[in-house]
Amino acid sequence: MSNLNASKLTIPENVLIDCDRRRVMARKQTVLKDDLLKAAFDLARDEGYQEVTARKLASKAGCSTQPIFRAYANMEEVLAEVIDEGAVFFEKYYDSYPKIQATPFLNLGLVYISFAEKESNLFKLLFMNEGKQAKPLYELLNGKNGNLVKEINKAKEEAPRRVHAPARSSQPNIYPSSR
């Protein structure tokens, strides 16, 4: 019998005691697929999608590479999900951007430029990624809310007014009118 007083024994929370084998072992940390995706997205956002490697992802998620390859078949699958998350992020960015211009497509262009400036790594992932996982530009800009379709419809509504509006010219008419 041991001289160990069980009432004074403090066991750290991350340690399990295997009573059958009488040894102390570290508790297995559960890493969820959502945790891996968030870590991969954060890595792509902070350092660029080229930096999303198994080792860096494991380090960011606080695990070994084994949980990554249990959740995903390969790193291409991880990157495809990061691109999907990036598309959702861009749509939320578009939705939250102030729409102050009345001219069709101008707000969309301003959002695009702002996103490129503020989220350069995600911009490169979504709009400059020539890999096989890249999404079509129409799909990215339109999103689930139909943002591009809304701009097209707005332009269609504006078109008749613009065609019939008198042309504004800042240059004087140098041609004499024929009478």
Foldseek 3Di string as FASTA:
>chain_A
DDPDDVVPDDDDPQWDADVVVGDIDGHDDDQDPVLLLVLQLVCLQPPANVPSDLCSSCVSSVHHSVVVCVNDVHVVRSLLVSLVVLLVVLVVLLVPDDDDDLQQPPSLVVSLVVCCVPRVRSNCSAPVDPDPSHDDPCCSSCDPVGNVVVSVVSCVVCVVVVVPDDDDDPDDDPDDDDD
